[in-house]
Amino acid sequence: MEYRRLGGSGLEVSAVGLGTNNFGGRMDAEASAAVLRRAVELGINFIDTANIYGGGRSEEFIGRAIKGMRGQLVLATKFGGPRGEGPNLRGGSRQHILQSVEESLKRLDTDYLDLYQIHFPDPRTPIEETLRALDDLVHQGKVRYLGSSNFAAWQLCEAAWTARSHHLNPFVSEQAEYSLLNRRLEREVIPFCQAYNVGIIPFFPLASGFLTGKYRPHEPAPSGTRLAGNERMGARYLTEKNFAVLAKLEQFAAGHSHTVGELAIAWLLAQPQVGSVIAGATRPEQVEANAKAGEWRLTPDDVQAVNKLLGDGAQ
């Protein structure tokens, strides 16, 4: 397993990480533990979750499963998503952050978080308030590094300027959707992250499973898959244009003795500023496939050839 520095921080993360949004939802505690144990065996040290995944059960399941191996892991979670109906049960306010971090630490059964990320921008709360509260957590030893998620480039820039101006700990990473089918980050976010040395953590690298090749044109989504019965997601991915691109990518991958799923992860790892690609898994075999994909090193010529197949560039 390859390990990379996350942005300008000293934190080293596995090039392929483990996403756990299925823990506590589609997966029970036993299945979650089996996937996590296999990930650690394969050298994956970056475990990403959020306080709202599985209604908090994702963090609970991880906390039980990592006993005895906490020191081996880079444990990342998020705050900011809705924890209930009340007006103070979401967002980036000091009140919400201080309450959320204590709950996450308890569920994860740990004294500290390696990476604490704001899940979504909060337009109602000044970014200075958010950063000051997070900076306090770093000084208290409850959090080691700070990150953002789903931020636009201007929001990242405002956060970086605020942290620099007030001598606060900055965001070292930005977690965002990024895949062969969704390249919007390339317009502004990636150039910003390169300029300020912020690490990128892509999620949905397989486009909700579409880039595994399990979905075929003019056929219903296989039972039990993420897009089965999900009309909104199906309308987004199961299009003639995407299937046409998929066919080209499958041909390219096969010509290099790899699968299209491996190509999807390898291509992301060849992009600038990418620290760890978050890949979800519901079975140990899927973790093995994700880890194997991280072993493929695309050459600059390979990347250029794939980009040519994709056509329009940033979508």
C-alpha atoms as a PDB file:
ATOM      1  CA  MET A   1       0.000   0.000   0.000  1.00  0.00           C
ATOM      2  CA  GLU A   2       1.259   3.450  -0.910  1.00  0.00           C
ATOM      3  CA  TYR A   3       1.133   6.215   1.708  1.00  0.00           C
ATOM      4  CA  ARG A   4       0.921   9.909   0.917  1.00  0.00           C
ATOM      5  CA  ARG A   5       1.213  13.163   2.845  1.00  0.00           C
ATOM      6  CA  LEU A   6      -2.183  14.803   3.179  1.00  0.00           C
ATOM      7  CA  GLY A   7      -1.773  18.275   1.741  1.00  0.00           C
ATOM      8  CA  GLY A   8       0.839  20.309   3.571  1.00  0.00           C
ATOM      9  CA  SER A   9       0.391  18.374   6.808  1.00  0.00           C
ATOM     10  CA  GLY A  10       2.703  15.744   8.260  1.00  0.00           C
ATOM     11  CA  LEU A  11      -0.096  13.182   8.231  1.00  0.00           C
ATOM     12  CA  GLU A  12       0.478  10.120   6.032  1.00  0.00           C
ATOM     13  CA  VAL A  13      -2.593   8.363   4.697  1.00  0.00           C
ATOM     14  CA  SER A  14      -3.055   5.249   2.601  1.00  0.00           C
ATOM     15  CA  ALA A  15      -3.610   6.049  -1.062  1.00  0.00           C
ATOM     16  CA  VAL A  16      -6.792   3.996  -0.886  1.00  0.00           C
ATOM     17  CA  GLY A  17      -8.990   4.749   2.106  1.00  0.00           C
ATOM     18  CA  LEU A  18     -12.088   3.081   3.508  1.00  0.00           C
ATOM     19  CA  GLY A  19     -15.419   4.891   3.308  1.00  0.00           C
ATOM     20  CA  THR A  20     -17.939   3.748   5.904  1.00  0.00           C
ATOM     21  CA  ASN A  21     -21.223   5.392   4.993  1.00  0.00           C
ATOM     22  CA  ASN A  22     -22.734   1.887   4.673  1.00  0.00           C
ATOM     23  CA  PHE A  23     -21.803   0.970   8.239  1.00  0.00           C
ATOM     24  CA  GLY A  24     -24.927   1.011  10.387  1.00  0.00           C
ATOM     25  CA  GLY A  25     -27.175   1.292   7.319  1.00  0.00           C
ATOM     26  CA  ARG A  26     -26.757  -1.456   4.744  1.00  0.00           C
ATOM     27  CA  MET A  27     -24.304  -3.256   7.065  1.00  0.00           C
ATOM     28  CA  ASP A  28     -24.587  -4.550  10.623  1.00  0.00           C
ATOM     29  CA  ALA A  29     -21.800  -4.483  13.220  1.00  0.00           C
ATOM     30  CA  GLU A  30     -20.371  -7.884  12.260  1.00  0.00           C
ATOM     31  CA  ALA A  31     -20.198  -7.128   8.534  1.00  0.00           C
ATOM     32  CA  SER A  32     -18.688  -3.710   9.240  1.00  0.00           C
ATOM     33  CA  ALA A  33     -15.992  -5.195  11.461  1.00  0.00           C
ATOM     34  CA  ALA A  34     -15.090  -7.799   8.832  1.00  0.00           C
ATOM     35  CA  VAL A  35     -14.609  -5.116   6.190  1.00  0.00           C
ATOM     36  CA  LEU A  36     -12.578  -2.894   8.505  1.00  0.00           C
ATOM     37  CA  ARG A  37     -10.323  -5.734   9.653  1.00  0.00           C
ATOM     38  CA  ARG A  38      -9.579  -6.720   6.045  1.00  0.00           C
ATOM     39  CA  ALA A  39      -8.801  -3.105   5.189  1.00  0.00           C
ATOM     40  CA  VAL A  40      -6.234  -2.888   7.980  1.00  0.00           C
ATOM     41  CA  GLU A  41      -4.686  -6.213   6.916  1.00  0.00           C
ATOM     42  CA  LEU A  42      -4.196  -4.755   3.423  1.00  0.00           C
ATOM     43  CA  GLY A  43      -2.421  -1.683   4.760  1.00  0.00           C
ATOM     44  CA  ILE A  44      -5.345   0.744   4.583  1.00  0.00           C
ATOM     45  CA  ASN A  45      -4.940   3.165   7.480  1.00  0.00           C
ATOM     46  CA  PHE A  46      -7.337   5.962   6.473  1.00  0.00           C
ATOM     47  CA  ILE A  47     -10.824   5.272   7.831  1.00  0.00           C
ATOM     48  CA  ASP A  48     -13.439   7.923   7.011  1.00  0.00           C
ATOM     49  CA  THR A  49     -16.861   8.268   8.586  1.00  0.00           C
ATOM     50  CA  ALA A  50     -19.313  10.970   9.708  1.00  0.00           C
ATOM     51  CA  ASN A  51     -21.505  11.507  12.733  1.00  0.00           C
ATOM     52  CA  ILE A  52     -24.645  11.194  10.601  1.00  0.00           C
ATOM     53  CA  TYR A  53     -23.742   7.932   8.822  1.00  0.00           C
ATOM     54  CA  GLY A  54     -26.157   5.248   9.939  1.00  0.00           C
ATOM     55  CA  GLY A  55     -27.609   7.656  12.464  1.00  0.00           C
ATOM     56  CA  GLY A  56     -24.332   7.492  14.418  1.00  0.00           C
ATOM     57  CA  ARG A  57     -24.021   3.711  14.198  1.00  0.00           C
ATOM     58  CA  SER A  58     -21.150   3.932  11.723  1.00  0.00           C
ATOM     59  CA  GLU A  59     -18.999   5.602  14.366  1.00  0.00           C
ATOM     60  CA  GLU A  60     -20.176   3.118  16.991  1.00  0.00           C
ATOM     61  CA  PHE A  61     -19.345   0.101  14.838  1.00  0.00           C
ATOM     62  CA  ILE A  62     -15.908   1.514  14.015  1.00  0.00           C
ATOM     63  CA  GLY A  63     -15.228   2.194  17.696  1.00  0.00           C
ATOM     64  CA  ARG A  64     -15.912  -1.441  18.557  1.00  0.00           C
ATOM     65  CA  ALA A  65     -13.920  -2.811  15.615  1.00  0.00           C
ATOM     66  CA  ILE A  66     -10.711  -0.807  16.097  1.00  0.00           C
ATOM     67  CA  LYS A  67      -9.981  -1.860  19.667  1.00  0.00           C
ATOM     68  CA  GLY A  68      -6.343  -2.785  19.911  1.00  0.00           C
ATOM     69  CA  MET A  69      -5.356  -1.090  16.663  1.00  0.00           C
ATOM     70  CA  ARG A  70      -6.214   2.578  17.183  1.00  0.00           C
ATOM     71  CA  GLY A  71      -2.602   3.667  16.914  1.00  0.00           C
ATOM     72  CA  GLN A  72      -2.315   2.155  13.422  1.00  0.00           C
ATOM     73  CA  LEU A  73      -5.174   4.197  12.009  1.00  0.00           C
ATOM     74  CA  VAL A  74      -5.845   7.669  10.699  1.00  0.00           C
ATOM     75  CA  LEU A  75      -9.398   8.120  11.914  1.00  0.00           C
ATOM     76  CA  ALA A  76     -11.452  10.820  10.206  1.00  0.00           C
ATOM     77  CA  THR A  77     -14.993  11.875  10.918  1.00  0.00           C
ATOM     78  CA  LYS A  78     -17.223  14.832  10.098  1.00  0.00           C
ATOM     79  CA  PHE A  79     -19.655  17.196  11.745  1.00  0.00           C
ATOM     80  CA  GLY A  80     -22.174  19.676  10.401  1.00  0.00           C
ATOM     81  CA  GLY A  81     -24.876  17.425   8.997  1.00  0.00           C
ATOM     82  CA  PRO A  82     -28.295  17.428  10.685  1.00  0.00           C
ATOM     83  CA  ARG A  83     -28.417  15.425  13.932  1.00  0.00           C
ATOM     84  CA  GLY A  84     -32.072  16.234  14.522  1.00  0.00           C
ATOM     85  CA  GLU A  85     -34.780  18.805  13.852  1.00  0.00           C
ATOM     86  CA  GLY A  86     -33.587  21.598  16.125  1.00  0.00           C
ATOM     87  CA  PRO A  87     -31.938  24.729  14.710  1.00  0.00           C
ATOM     88  CA  ASN A  88     -28.727  24.131  16.687  1.00  0.00           C
ATOM     89  CA  LEU A  89     -28.352  20.477  15.685  1.00  0.00           C
ATOM     90  CA  ARG A  90     -26.454  21.172  12.470  1.00  0.00           C
ATOM     91  CA  GLY A  91     -23.892  23.504  10.983  1.00  0.00           C
ATOM     92  CA  GLY A  92     -20.543  24.974  11.977  1.00  0.00           C
ATOM     93  CA  SER A  93     -21.368  26.967  15.095  1.00  0.00           C
ATOM     94  CA  ARG A  94     -19.178  26.676  18.181  1.00  0.00           C
ATOM     95  CA  GLN A  95     -22.109  25.226  20.102  1.00  0.00           C
ATOM     96  CA  HIS A  96     -22.715  22.505  17.547  1.00  0.00           C
ATOM     97  CA  ILE A  97     -19.038  21.666  17.079  1.00  0.00           C
ATOM     98  CA  LEU A  98     -18.343  21.270  20.795  1.00  0.00           C
ATOM     99  CA  GLN A  99     -21.354  19.030  21.267  1.00  0.00           C
ATOM    100  CA  SER A 100     -20.686  16.993  18.128  1.00  0.00           C
ATOM    101  CA  VAL A 101     -17.040  16.264  18.873  1.00  0.00           C
ATOM    102  CA  GLU A 102     -17.835  14.864  22.320  1.00  0.00           C
ATOM    103  CA  GLU A 103     -20.497  12.589  20.857  1.00  0.00           C
ATOM    104  CA  SER A 104     -18.175  11.364  18.111  1.00  0.00           C
ATOM    105  CA  LEU A 105     -15.319  10.696  20.538  1.00  0.00           C
ATOM    106  CA  LYS A 106     -17.667   8.665  22.722  1.00  0.00           C
ATOM    107  CA  ARG A 107     -19.091   6.623  19.849  1.00  0.00           C
ATOM    108  CA  LEU A 108     -15.640   5.990  18.368  1.00  0.00           C
ATOM    109  CA  ASP A 109     -14.319   5.160  21.855  1.00  0.00           C
ATOM    110  CA  THR A 110     -11.193   7.250  21.355  1.00  0.00           C
ATOM    111  CA  ASP A 111      -9.518  10.218  23.003  1.00  0.00           C
ATOM    112  CA  TYR A 112      -8.696  12.014  19.770  1.00  0.00           C
ATOM    113  CA  LEU A 113      -9.577  12.345  16.094  1.00  0.00           C
ATOM    114  CA  ASP A 114      -6.830  12.422  13.485  1.00  0.00           C
ATOM    115  CA  LEU A 115      -8.895  14.467  11.021  1.00  0.00           C
ATOM    116  CA  TYR A 116     -12.058  16.411  11.891  1.00  0.00           C
ATOM    117  CA  GLN A 117     -13.955  17.713   8.870  1.00  0.00           C
ATOM    118  CA  ILE A 118     -16.858  20.079   8.426  1.00  0.00           C
ATOM    119  CA  HIS A 119     -19.264  18.066   6.274  1.00  0.00           C
ATOM    120  CA  PHE A 120     -20.916  20.950   4.424  1.00  0.00           C
ATOM    121  CA  PRO A 121     -20.432  24.724   4.242  1.00  0.00           C
ATOM    122  CA  ASP A 122     -22.592  26.607   6.731  1.00  0.00           C
ATOM    123  CA  PRO A 123     -23.665  29.966   5.268  1.00  0.00           C
ATOM    124  CA  ARG A 124     -25.310  30.946   8.565  1.00  0.00           C
ATOM    125  CA  THR A 125     -22.128  30.819  10.638  1.00  0.00           C
ATOM    126  CA  PRO A 126     -19.051  33.005  10.066  1.00  0.00           C
ATOM    127  CA  ILE A 127     -16.099  30.834   9.067  1.00  0.00           C
ATOM    128  CA  GLU A 128     -14.012  32.542  11.770  1.00  0.00           C
ATOM    129  CA  GLU A 129     -16.309  31.140  14.465  1.00  0.00           C
ATOM    130  CA  THR A 130     -16.014  27.650  12.977  1.00  0.00           C
ATOM    131  CA  LEU A 131     -12.233  27.828  12.689  1.00  0.00           C
ATOM    132  CA  ARG A 132     -11.747  29.252  16.186  1.00  0.00           C
ATOM    133  CA  ALA A 133     -13.803  26.430  17.718  1.00  0.00           C
ATOM    134  CA  LEU A 134     -11.852  23.843  15.720  1.00  0.00           C
ATOM    135  CA  ASP A 135      -8.544  25.489  16.623  1.00  0.00           C
ATOM    136  CA  ASP A 136      -9.473  25.171  20.299  1.00  0.00           C
ATOM    137  CA  LEU A 137     -10.034  21.425  19.794  1.00  0.00           C
ATOM    138  CA  VAL A 138      -6.569  21.089  18.279  1.00  0.00           C
ATOM    139  CA  HIS A 139      -4.997  22.887  21.252  1.00  0.00           C
ATOM    140  CA  GLN A 140      -6.986  20.670  23.631  1.00  0.00           C
ATOM    141  CA  GLY A 141      -5.593  17.558  21.926  1.00  0.00           C
ATOM    142  CA  LYS A 142      -8.991  16.237  20.914  1.00  0.00           C
ATOM    143  CA  VAL A 143      -8.302  16.799  17.214  1.00  0.00           C
ATOM    144  CA  ARG A 144      -5.003  16.547  15.313  1.00  0.00           C
ATOM    145  CA  TYR A 145      -5.861  18.029  11.887  1.00  0.00           C
ATOM    146  CA  LEU A 146      -8.779  19.894  10.306  1.00  0.00           C
ATOM    147  CA  GLY A 147     -10.516  19.426   6.984  1.00  0.00           C
ATOM    148  CA  SER A 148     -13.460  20.586   4.912  1.00  0.00           C
ATOM    149  CA  SER A 149     -15.911  18.806   2.644  1.00  0.00           C
ATOM    150  CA  ASN A 150     -18.113  19.926  -0.241  1.00  0.00           C
ATOM    151  CA  PHE A 151     -16.613  23.450  -0.225  1.00  0.00           C
ATOM    152  CA  ALA A 152     -16.415  25.630  -3.320  1.00  0.00           C
ATOM    153  CA  ALA A 153     -13.041  27.138  -4.200  1.00  0.00           C
ATOM    154  CA  TRP A 154     -14.033  30.581  -2.907  1.00  0.00           C
ATOM    155  CA  GLN A 155     -15.123  29.061   0.407  1.00  0.00           C
ATOM    156  CA  LEU A 156     -11.814  27.239   0.701  1.00  0.00           C
ATOM    157  CA  CYS A 157     -10.005  30.481  -0.045  1.00  0.00           C
ATOM    158  CA  GLU A 158     -12.001  32.390   2.569  1.00  0.00           C
ATOM    159  CA  ALA A 159     -11.206  29.707   5.145  1.00  0.00           C
ATOM    160  CA  ALA A 160      -7.502  29.731   4.261  1.00  0.00           C
ATOM    161  CA  TRP A 161      -7.322  33.538   4.441  1.00  0.00           C
ATOM    162  CA  THR A 162      -9.217  33.607   7.758  1.00  0.00           C
ATOM    163  CA  ALA A 163      -6.966  30.969   9.310  1.00  0.00           C
ATOM    164  CA  ARG A 164      -3.826  32.748   8.115  1.00  0.00           C
ATOM    165  CA  SER A 165      -5.022  36.184   9.241  1.00  0.00           C
ATOM    166  CA  HIS A 166      -5.942  35.026  12.750  1.00  0.00           C
ATOM    167  CA  HIS A 167      -3.137  32.473  13.207  1.00  0.00           C
ATOM    168  CA  LEU A 168      -5.556  29.548  13.408  1.00  0.00           C
ATOM    169  CA  ASN A 169      -5.044  25.959  12.311  1.00  0.00           C
ATOM    170  CA  PRO A 170      -6.155  25.723   8.647  1.00  0.00           C
ATOM    171  CA  PHE A 171      -7.947  23.034   6.710  1.00  0.00           C
ATOM    172  CA  VAL A 172      -5.339  20.587   5.397  1.00  0.00           C
ATOM    173  CA  SER A 173      -7.785  18.718   3.161  1.00  0.00           C
ATOM    174  CA  GLU A 174     -10.937  19.035   1.105  1.00  0.00           C
ATOM    175  CA  GLN A 175     -13.179  16.004   0.677  1.00  0.00           C
ATOM    176  CA  ALA A 176     -15.284  16.191  -2.468  1.00  0.00           C
ATOM    177  CA  GLU A 177     -17.026  14.116  -5.106  1.00  0.00           C
ATOM    178  CA  TYR A 178     -14.570  13.390  -7.897  1.00  0.00           C
ATOM    179  CA  SER A 179     -14.564  10.631 -10.489  1.00  0.00           C
ATOM    180  CA  LEU A 180     -14.119   9.896 -14.170  1.00  0.00           C
ATOM    181  CA  LEU A 181     -17.749  10.978 -14.591  1.00  0.00           C
ATOM    182  CA  ASN A 182     -17.639  14.034 -12.325  1.00  0.00           C
ATOM    183  CA  ARG A 183     -14.640  16.309 -12.911  1.00  0.00           C
ATOM    184  CA  ARG A 184     -16.069  19.630 -11.724  1.00  0.00           C
ATOM    185  CA  LEU A 185     -13.229  19.963  -9.198  1.00  0.00           C
ATOM    186  CA  GLU A 186     -10.809  20.536 -12.051  1.00  0.00           C
ATOM    187  CA  ARG A 187     -12.245  23.982 -12.810  1.00  0.00           C
ATOM    188  CA  GLU A 188     -11.355  25.804  -9.597  1.00  0.00           C
ATOM    189  CA  VAL A 189     -10.987  23.534  -6.555  1.00  0.00           C
ATOM    190  CA  ILE A 190      -7.944  21.601  -7.751  1.00  0.00           C
ATOM    191  CA  PRO A 191      -6.061  24.752  -8.863  1.00  0.00           C
ATOM    192  CA  PHE A 192      -6.759  26.283  -5.442  1.00  0.00           C
ATOM    193  CA  CYS A 193      -5.631  23.141  -3.630  1.00  0.00           C
ATOM    194  CA  GLN A 194      -2.428  23.049  -5.655  1.00  0.00           C
ATOM    195  CA  ALA A 195      -1.677  26.689  -4.896  1.00  0.00           C
ATOM    196  CA  TYR A 196      -2.302  26.321  -1.150  1.00  0.00           C
ATOM    197  CA  ASN A 197      -1.146  22.692  -0.783  1.00  0.00           C
ATOM    198  CA  VAL A 198      -4.505  21.378   0.407  1.00  0.00           C
ATOM    199  CA  GLY A 199      -4.983  17.635   0.018  1.00  0.00           C
ATOM    200  CA  ILE A 200      -7.947  16.320  -1.948  1.00  0.00           C
ATOM    201  CA  ILE A 201      -9.916  13.319  -0.684  1.00  0.00           C
ATOM    202  CA  PRO A 202     -12.251  12.108  -3.451  1.00  0.00           C
ATOM    203  CA  PHE A 203     -15.468  10.323  -2.542  1.00  0.00           C
ATOM    204  CA  PHE A 204     -17.778   8.381  -4.886  1.00  0.00           C
ATOM    205  CA  PRO A 205     -14.723   7.370  -6.975  1.00  0.00           C
ATOM    206  CA  LEU A 206     -16.748   4.633  -8.650  1.00  0.00           C
ATOM    207  CA  ALA A 207     -19.727   6.928  -9.345  1.00  0.00           C
ATOM    208  CA  SER A 208     -22.003   4.989  -6.980  1.00  0.00           C
ATOM    209  CA  GLY A 209     -20.846   1.721  -8.517  1.00  0.00           C
ATOM    210  CA  PHE A 210     -21.476   2.693 -12.126  1.00  0.00           C
ATOM    211  CA  LEU A 211     -17.750   2.552 -12.895  1.00  0.00           C
ATOM    212  CA  THR A 212     -17.500  -1.072 -11.774  1.00  0.00           C
ATOM    213  CA  GLY A 213     -19.334  -2.139 -14.935  1.00  0.00           C
ATOM    214  CA  LYS A 214     -22.071  -3.903 -12.981  1.00  0.00           C
ATOM    215  CA  TYR A 215     -24.752  -1.795 -14.690  1.00  0.00           C
ATOM    216  CA  ARG A 216     -25.528  -2.507 -18.339  1.00  0.00           C
ATOM    217  CA  PRO A 217     -27.508  -0.433 -20.876  1.00  0.00           C
ATOM    218  CA  HIS A 218     -31.200  -1.235 -21.306  1.00  0.00           C
ATOM    219  CA  GLU A 219     -31.115  -3.595 -18.315  1.00  0.00           C
ATOM    220  CA  PRO A 220     -32.538  -2.988 -14.818  1.00  0.00           C
ATOM    221  CA  ALA A 221     -30.040  -2.281 -12.047  1.00  0.00           C
ATOM    222  CA  PRO A 222     -29.011  -5.517 -10.296  1.00  0.00           C
ATOM    223  CA  SER A 223     -30.900  -6.210  -7.085  1.00  0.00           C
ATOM    224  CA  GLY A 224     -29.171  -4.970  -3.953  1.00  0.00           C
ATOM    225  CA  THR A 225     -27.000  -2.402  -5.740  1.00  0.00           C
ATOM    226  CA  ARG A 226     -26.899   1.279  -4.823  1.00  0.00           C
ATOM    227  CA  LEU A 227     -28.824   2.383  -7.937  1.00  0.00           C
ATOM    228  CA  ALA A 228     -31.505  -0.319  -7.735  1.00  0.00           C
ATOM    229  CA  GLY A 229     -34.812   1.400  -7.010  1.00  0.00           C
ATOM    230  CA  ASN A 230     -33.165   4.815  -6.660  1.00  0.00           C
ATOM    231  CA  GLU A 231     -34.751   6.816  -9.466  1.00  0.00           C
ATOM    232  CA  ARG A 232     -32.875  10.029  -8.718  1.00  0.00           C
ATOM    233  CA  MET A 233     -29.447   8.408  -8.719  1.00  0.00           C
ATOM    234  CA  GLY A 234     -30.388   6.176 -11.627  1.00  0.00           C
ATOM    235  CA  ALA A 235     -31.395   9.172 -13.734  1.00  0.00           C
ATOM    236  CA  ARG A 236     -28.038  10.760 -12.959  1.00  0.00           C
ATOM    237  CA  TYR A 237     -25.812   7.828 -13.888  1.00  0.00           C
ATOM    238  CA  LEU A 238     -27.737   5.403 -16.110  1.00  0.00           C
ATOM    239  CA  THR A 239     -27.658   7.557 -19.235  1.00  0.00           C
ATOM    240  CA  GLU A 240     -26.736   6.757 -22.825  1.00  0.00           C
ATOM    241  CA  LYS A 241     -23.831   9.210 -22.654  1.00  0.00           C
ATOM    242  CA  ASN A 242     -22.377   7.568 -19.540  1.00  0.00           C
ATOM    243  CA  PHE A 243     -22.736   4.080 -20.978  1.00  0.00           C
ATOM    244  CA  ALA A 244     -20.926   5.220 -24.113  1.00  0.00           C
ATOM    245  CA  VAL A 245     -18.058   6.579 -21.998  1.00  0.00           C
ATOM    246  CA  LEU A 246     -18.067   3.413 -19.890  1.00  0.00           C
ATOM    247  CA  ALA A 247     -17.615   1.242 -22.982  1.00  0.00           C
ATOM    248  CA  LYS A 248     -14.514   3.231 -23.986  1.00  0.00           C
ATOM    249  CA  LEU A 249     -13.072   3.059 -20.490  1.00  0.00           C
ATOM    250  CA  GLU A 250     -13.684  -0.683 -20.264  1.00  0.00           C
ATOM    251  CA  GLN A 251     -11.832  -1.176 -23.525  1.00  0.00           C
ATOM    252  CA  PHE A 252      -8.884   0.909 -22.298  1.00  0.00           C
ATOM    253  CA  ALA A 253      -8.720  -0.950 -18.974  1.00  0.00           C
ATOM    254  CA  ALA A 254      -8.956  -4.372 -20.624  1.00  0.00           C
ATOM    255  CA  GLY A 255      -6.123  -3.400 -22.960  1.00  0.00           C
ATOM    256  CA  HIS A 256      -3.962  -2.877 -19.864  1.00  0.00           C
ATOM    257  CA  SER A 257      -5.146  -6.098 -18.162  1.00  0.00           C
ATOM    258  CA  HIS A 258      -7.225  -4.229 -15.586  1.00  0.00           C
ATOM    259  CA  THR A 259     -10.901  -3.662 -14.801  1.00  0.00           C
ATOM    260  CA  VAL A 260     -12.702  -0.373 -15.284  1.00  0.00           C
ATOM    261  CA  GLY A 261     -13.122  -0.140 -11.499  1.00  0.00           C
ATOM    262  CA  GLU A 262      -9.358  -0.313 -11.092  1.00  0.00           C
ATOM    263  CA  LEU A 263      -8.968   2.347 -13.749  1.00  0.00           C
ATOM    264  CA  ALA A 264     -11.379   4.651 -11.894  1.00  0.00           C
ATOM    265  CA  ILE A 265      -9.273   4.577  -8.716  1.00  0.00           C
ATOM    266  CA  ALA A 266      -5.887   4.584 -10.478  1.00  0.00           C
ATOM    267  CA  TRP A 267      -6.888   7.629 -12.544  1.00  0.00           C
ATOM    268  CA  LEU A 268      -7.829   9.573  -9.417  1.00  0.00           C
ATOM    269  CA  LEU A 269      -4.536   8.686  -7.761  1.00  0.00           C
ATOM    270  CA  ALA A 270      -2.742  10.130 -10.781  1.00  0.00           C
ATOM    271  CA  GLN A 271      -4.400  13.531 -10.285  1.00  0.00           C
ATOM    272  CA  PRO A 272      -2.614  16.407  -8.522  1.00  0.00           C
ATOM    273  CA  GLN A 273      -3.135  16.906  -4.777  1.00  0.00           C
ATOM    274  CA  VAL A 274      -5.084  13.665  -4.249  1.00  0.00           C
ATOM    275  CA  GLY A 275      -4.167  12.193  -0.870  1.00  0.00           C
ATOM    276  CA  SER A 276      -6.475   9.241  -0.333  1.00  0.00           C
ATOM    277  CA  VAL A 277      -9.333   7.948  -2.471  1.00  0.00           C
ATOM    278  CA  ILE A 278     -12.267   6.971  -0.274  1.00  0.00           C
ATOM    279  CA  ALA A 279     -13.698   3.701  -1.536  1.00  0.00           C
ATOM    280  CA  GLY A 280     -16.666   2.108   0.190  1.00  0.00           C
ATOM    281  CA  ALA A 281     -17.120  -1.629   0.569  1.00  0.00           C
ATOM    282  CA  THR A 282     -19.804  -3.955   1.889  1.00  0.00           C
ATOM    283  CA  ARG A 283     -17.677  -7.125   1.697  1.00  0.00           C
ATOM    284  CA  PRO A 284     -13.993  -7.891   2.350  1.00  0.00           C
ATOM    285  CA  GLU A 285     -13.635  -8.896  -1.309  1.00  0.00           C
ATOM    286  CA  GLN A 286     -14.520  -5.359  -2.364  1.00  0.00           C
ATOM    287  CA  VAL A 287     -11.835  -3.956  -0.069  1.00  0.00           C
ATOM    288  CA  GLU A 288      -9.324  -6.267  -1.741  1.00  0.00           C
ATOM    289  CA  ALA A 289     -10.389  -5.035  -5.189  1.00  0.00           C
ATOM    290  CA  ASN A 290     -10.066  -1.403  -4.100  1.00  0.00           C
ATOM    291  CA  ALA A 291      -6.614  -1.977  -2.622  1.00  0.00           C
ATOM    292  CA  LYS A 292      -5.484  -3.758  -5.782  1.00  0.00           C
ATOM    293  CA  ALA A 293      -6.619  -0.782  -7.879  1.00  0.00           C
ATOM    294  CA  GLY A 294      -4.252   1.428  -5.904  1.00  0.00           C
ATOM    295  CA  GLU A 295      -1.297  -0.604  -7.178  1.00  0.00           C
ATOM    296  CA  TRP A 296      -1.814   0.494 -10.802  1.00  0.00           C
ATOM    297  CA  ARG A 297       0.383   3.477 -11.613  1.00  0.00           C
ATOM    298  CA  LEU A 298      -0.863   5.335 -14.667  1.00  0.00           C
ATOM    299  CA  THR A 299       1.782   7.091 -16.746  1.00  0.00           C
ATOM    300  CA  PRO A 300       1.251  10.686 -17.918  1.00  0.00           C
ATOM    301  CA  ASP A 301       0.510   9.243 -21.377  1.00  0.00           C
ATOM    302  CA  ASP A 302      -2.106   6.923 -19.860  1.00  0.00           C
ATOM    303  CA  VAL A 303      -3.790   9.843 -18.111  1.00  0.00           C
ATOM    304  CA  GLN A 304      -3.817  11.869 -21.297  1.00  0.00           C
ATOM    305  CA  ALA A 305      -5.316   8.968 -23.232  1.00  0.00           C
ATOM    306  CA  VAL A 306      -8.067   8.468 -20.652  1.00  0.00           C
ATOM    307  CA  ASN A 307      -8.845  12.179 -20.578  1.00  0.00           C
ATOM    308  CA  LYS A 308      -9.216  12.086 -24.353  1.00  0.00           C
ATOM    309  CA  LEU A 309     -11.765   9.293 -24.000  1.00  0.00           C
ATOM    310  CA  LEU A 310     -13.717  11.382 -21.491  1.00  0.00           C
ATOM    311  CA  GLY A 311     -14.103  14.213 -23.950  1.00  0.00           C
ATOM    312  CA  ASP A 312     -15.307  17.528 -22.591  1.00  0.00           C
ATOM    313  CA  GLY A 313     -13.062  17.774 -19.526  1.00  0.00           C
ATOM    314  CA  ALA A 314     -14.528  19.118 -16.289  1.00  0.00           C
ATOM    315  CA  GLN A 315     -18.237  18.344 -16.246  1.00  0.00           C
END
